[in-house]
Amino acid sequence: MRLRVEFTTEPFDLDEAPRHALVAREVIEAAGLDAVDVGPFGNTAEGGADSVLTAVDALLRQALDAGATRVSLQVNVIGEGGE
């Protein structure tokens, strides 16, 4: 099964990316997922179910540890195959 995760972390800071946002992006970029797109107001990545779910676990734990007070995410099934 292939999944797509979309997420944001809060609180926002329009002047400089907060530490929790940088940590969340680093987790997703290092997870070896496909179609990673990071931006100031949202981030997306795709991959096999096991890889995405493992990355989401790390994302939540590390972003909260880095000061996030809210993490909004959505996970969608986008196809069969993969892991």
N, C-alpha and C. Protein backbone atom coordinates (compact mmCIF):
# COMPACT_ATOMS: atom_id res chain seq x y z
N MET A 1 0.84 -1.18 0.00
CA MET A 1 0.00 0.00 0.00
C MET A 1 0.89 1.24 0.00
N ARG A 2 0.52 2.22 -0.80
CA ARG A 2 1.23 3.51 -0.83
C ARG A 2 0.39 4.55 -0.10
N LEU A 3 1.09 5.39 0.65
CA LEU A 3 0.43 6.44 1.43
C LEU A 3 1.03 7.80 1.12
N ARG A 4 0.21 8.82 1.31
CA ARG A 4 0.68 10.21 1.25
C ARG A 4 0.40 10.84 2.60
N VAL A 5 1.39 11.49 3.17
CA VAL A 5 1.21 12.22 4.41
C VAL A 5 1.35 13.71 4.12
N GLU A 6 0.46 14.48 4.70
CA GLU A 6 0.52 15.94 4.63
C GLU A 6 0.52 16.43 6.08
N PHE A 7 1.41 17.38 6.41
CA PHE A 7 1.48 17.83 7.80
C PHE A 7 1.92 19.27 7.92
N THR A 8 1.55 19.86 9.05
CA THR A 8 2.05 21.16 9.47
C THR A 8 2.32 21.09 10.97
N THR A 9 3.21 21.93 11.44
CA THR A 9 3.48 22.03 12.86
C THR A 9 3.22 23.47 13.30
N GLU A 10 2.85 23.62 14.55
CA GLU A 10 2.57 24.94 15.11
C GLU A 10 3.28 25.06 16.45
N PRO A 11 3.54 26.25 16.93
CA PRO A 11 3.09 27.54 16.43
C PRO A 11 3.90 28.02 15.22
N PHE A 12 3.25 28.85 14.42
CA PHE A 12 3.87 29.42 13.23
C PHE A 12 4.73 30.62 13.62
N ASP A 13 5.73 30.87 12.81
CA ASP A 13 6.53 32.08 12.92
C ASP A 13 6.84 32.49 11.48
N LEU A 14 6.28 33.58 11.03
CA LEU A 14 6.45 34.00 9.64
C LEU A 14 7.83 34.59 9.36
N ASP A 15 8.54 35.00 10.40
CA ASP A 15 9.86 35.59 10.20
C ASP A 15 10.97 34.56 10.08
N GLU A 16 10.86 33.48 10.83
CA GLU A 16 11.90 32.46 10.85
C GLU A 16 11.27 31.12 11.18
N ALA A 17 11.67 30.09 10.46
CA ALA A 17 11.12 28.75 10.72
C ALA A 17 11.48 28.31 12.14
N PRO A 18 10.49 27.93 12.93
CA PRO A 18 10.77 27.47 14.29
C PRO A 18 11.53 26.14 14.28
N ARG A 19 12.19 25.87 15.37
CA ARG A 19 12.98 24.64 15.48
C ARG A 19 12.13 23.41 15.19
N HIS A 20 10.91 23.35 15.73
CA HIS A 20 10.07 22.17 15.53
C HIS A 20 9.74 21.95 14.05
N ALA A 21 9.59 23.01 13.29
CA ALA A 21 9.31 22.88 11.86
C ALA A 21 10.53 22.34 11.12
N LEU A 22 11.69 22.83 11.48
CA LEU A 22 12.92 22.35 10.85
C LEU A 22 13.17 20.88 11.18
N VAL A 23 12.93 20.50 12.43
CA VAL A 23 13.11 19.11 12.83
C VAL A 23 12.14 18.21 12.07
N ALA A 24 10.89 18.61 11.96
CA ALA A 24 9.89 17.80 11.25
C ALA A 24 10.29 17.61 9.79
N ARG A 25 10.75 18.65 9.16
CA ARG A 25 11.18 18.55 7.76
C ARG A 25 12.40 17.64 7.62
N GLU A 26 13.33 17.76 8.55
CA GLU A 26 14.52 16.90 8.50
C GLU A 26 14.15 15.43 8.64
N VAL A 27 13.19 15.13 9.50
CA VAL A 27 12.74 13.74 9.68
C VAL A 27 12.17 13.21 8.38
N ILE A 28 11.32 13.98 7.73
CA ILE A 28 10.68 13.54 6.49
C ILE A 28 11.71 13.42 5.37
N GLU A 29 12.60 14.39 5.27
CA GLU A 29 13.60 14.34 4.21
C GLU A 29 14.57 13.16 4.39
N ALA A 30 14.83 12.77 5.62
CA ALA A 30 15.77 11.67 5.89
C ALA A 30 15.11 10.30 5.82
N ALA A 31 13.79 10.25 5.70
CA ALA A 31 13.06 8.98 5.77
C ALA A 31 13.11 8.17 4.48
N GLY A 32 13.66 8.74 3.43
CA GLY A 32 13.74 8.01 2.17
C GLY A 32 12.40 7.86 1.47
N LEU A 33 11.51 8.81 1.69
CA LEU A 33 10.19 8.77 1.05
C LEU A 33 10.26 9.40 -0.34
N ASP A 34 9.22 9.13 -1.15
CA ASP A 34 9.12 9.68 -2.50
C ASP A 34 8.36 11.00 -2.46
N ALA A 35 8.54 11.78 -3.50
CA ALA A 35 7.75 12.99 -3.72
C ALA A 35 7.67 13.87 -2.49
N VAL A 36 8.81 14.12 -1.85
CA VAL A 36 8.85 14.98 -0.67
C VAL A 36 8.77 16.43 -1.13
N ASP A 37 7.83 17.17 -0.55
CA ASP A 37 7.66 18.58 -0.88
C ASP A 37 7.51 19.34 0.44
N VAL A 38 8.49 20.15 0.79
CA VAL A 38 8.42 20.92 2.02
C VAL A 38 8.20 22.38 1.68
N GLY A 39 7.40 23.03 2.48
CA GLY A 39 7.10 24.43 2.25
C GLY A 39 6.78 25.13 3.55
N PRO A 40 6.60 26.44 3.52
CA PRO A 40 6.39 27.20 4.74
C PRO A 40 5.05 26.92 5.43
N PHE A 41 4.05 26.46 4.68
CA PHE A 41 2.72 26.27 5.27
C PHE A 41 2.23 24.83 5.20
N GLY A 42 3.04 23.92 4.71
CA GLY A 42 2.63 22.53 4.66
C GLY A 42 3.69 21.70 3.97
N ASN A 43 3.66 20.43 4.26
CA ASN A 43 4.65 19.50 3.75
C ASN A 43 3.95 18.22 3.33
N THR A 44 4.44 17.58 2.28
CA THR A 44 3.87 16.31 1.85
C THR A 44 4.99 15.35 1.49
N ALA A 45 4.68 14.07 1.60
CA ALA A 45 5.60 13.02 1.17
C ALA A 45 4.78 11.77 0.89
N GLU A 46 5.32 10.92 0.03
CA GLU A 46 4.66 9.68 -0.33
C GLU A 46 5.64 8.54 -0.17
N GLY A 47 5.09 7.34 0.02
CA GLY A 47 5.93 6.16 0.10
C GLY A 47 5.14 4.95 0.49
N GLY A 48 5.84 3.84 0.66
CA GLY A 48 5.21 2.63 1.14
C GLY A 48 4.68 2.82 2.55
N ALA A 49 3.67 2.04 2.89
CA ALA A 49 2.99 2.21 4.18
C ALA A 49 3.96 2.13 5.36
N ASP A 50 4.82 1.12 5.39
CA ASP A 50 5.74 0.98 6.52
C ASP A 50 6.65 2.19 6.66
N SER A 51 7.18 2.67 5.56
CA SER A 51 8.09 3.83 5.60
C SER A 51 7.36 5.09 6.05
N VAL A 52 6.17 5.32 5.52
CA VAL A 52 5.41 6.53 5.90
C VAL A 52 5.01 6.47 7.37
N LEU A 53 4.51 5.34 7.82
CA LEU A 53 4.08 5.24 9.22
C LEU A 53 5.25 5.36 10.18
N THR A 54 6.38 4.81 9.83
CA THR A 54 7.58 4.96 10.66
C THR A 54 8.01 6.43 10.71
N ALA A 55 7.97 7.10 9.56
CA ALA A 55 8.33 8.52 9.50
C ALA A 55 7.35 9.37 10.31
N VAL A 56 6.07 9.06 10.25
CA VAL A 56 5.06 9.82 11.01
C VAL A 56 5.31 9.67 12.51
N ASP A 57 5.63 8.48 12.95
CA ASP A 57 5.94 8.27 14.37
C ASP A 57 7.12 9.15 14.79
N ALA A 58 8.19 9.12 14.02
CA ALA A 58 9.37 9.93 14.33
C ALA A 58 9.05 11.42 14.25
N LEU A 59 8.28 11.80 13.25
CA LEU A 59 7.88 13.20 13.07
C LEU A 59 7.14 13.71 14.30
N LEU A 60 6.15 12.97 14.75
CA LEU A 60 5.38 13.41 15.91
C LEU A 60 6.25 13.52 17.16
N ARG A 61 7.02 12.49 17.42
CA ARG A 61 7.85 12.48 18.63
C ARG A 61 8.88 13.61 18.61
N GLN A 62 9.57 13.77 17.50
CA GLN A 62 10.66 14.75 17.45
C GLN A 62 10.15 16.18 17.35
N ALA A 63 9.07 16.41 16.62
CA ALA A 63 8.52 17.77 16.53
C ALA A 63 7.99 18.23 17.88
N LEU A 64 7.29 17.35 18.58
CA LEU A 64 6.79 17.72 19.92
C LEU A 64 7.94 17.96 20.88
N ASP A 65 8.96 17.12 20.83
CA ASP A 65 10.14 17.33 21.67
C ASP A 65 10.84 18.65 21.36
N ALA A 66 10.73 19.10 20.11
CA ALA A 66 11.39 20.34 19.67
C ALA A 66 10.52 21.58 19.90
N GLY A 67 9.36 21.42 20.54
CA GLY A 67 8.56 22.59 20.90
C GLY A 67 7.26 22.77 20.16
N ALA A 68 6.89 21.87 19.27
CA ALA A 68 5.59 22.00 18.60
C ALA A 68 4.49 21.86 19.64
N THR A 69 3.47 22.70 19.52
CA THR A 69 2.32 22.61 20.41
C THR A 69 1.13 21.97 19.71
N ARG A 70 1.27 21.81 18.39
CA ARG A 70 0.22 21.16 17.60
C ARG A 70 0.85 20.63 16.32
N VAL A 71 0.49 19.42 15.96
CA VAL A 71 0.89 18.84 14.68
C VAL A 71 -0.39 18.38 14.01
N SER A 72 -0.66 18.95 12.85
CA SER A 72 -1.83 18.55 12.06
C SER A 72 -1.34 17.68 10.93
N LEU A 73 -1.96 16.51 10.79
CA LEU A 73 -1.54 15.66 9.68
C LEU A 73 -2.71 14.89 9.11
N GLN A 74 -2.51 14.52 7.89
CA GLN A 74 -3.50 13.72 7.16
C GLN A 74 -2.73 12.65 6.42
N VAL A 75 -3.23 11.42 6.49
CA VAL A 75 -2.62 10.31 5.78
C VAL A 75 -3.67 9.72 4.85
N ASN A 76 -3.31 9.62 3.57
CA ASN A 76 -4.23 9.07 2.56
C ASN A 76 -3.61 7.87 1.87
N VAL A 77 -4.44 6.87 1.59
CA VAL A 77 -4.04 5.75 0.75
C VAL A 77 -4.11 6.24 -0.69
N ILE A 78 -2.99 6.12 -1.40
CA ILE A 78 -2.97 6.60 -2.79
C ILE A 78 -2.78 5.49 -3.80
N GLY A 79 -2.60 4.26 -3.32
CA GLY A 79 -2.45 3.16 -4.26
C GLY A 79 -2.01 1.89 -3.59
N GLU A 80 -2.06 0.84 -4.34
CA GLU A 80 -1.59 -0.46 -3.85
C GLU A 80 -0.16 -0.65 -4.29
N GLY A 81 0.47 -1.67 -3.77
CA GLY A 81 1.86 -1.92 -4.12
C GLY A 81 2.79 -1.27 -3.13
N GLY A 82 4.05 -1.36 -3.38
CA GLY A 82 5.04 -0.81 -2.44
C GLY A 82 5.20 -1.75 -1.27
N GLU A 83 5.51 -1.21 -0.11
CA GLU A 83 5.77 -2.03 1.08
C GLU A 83 4.48 -2.64 1.61
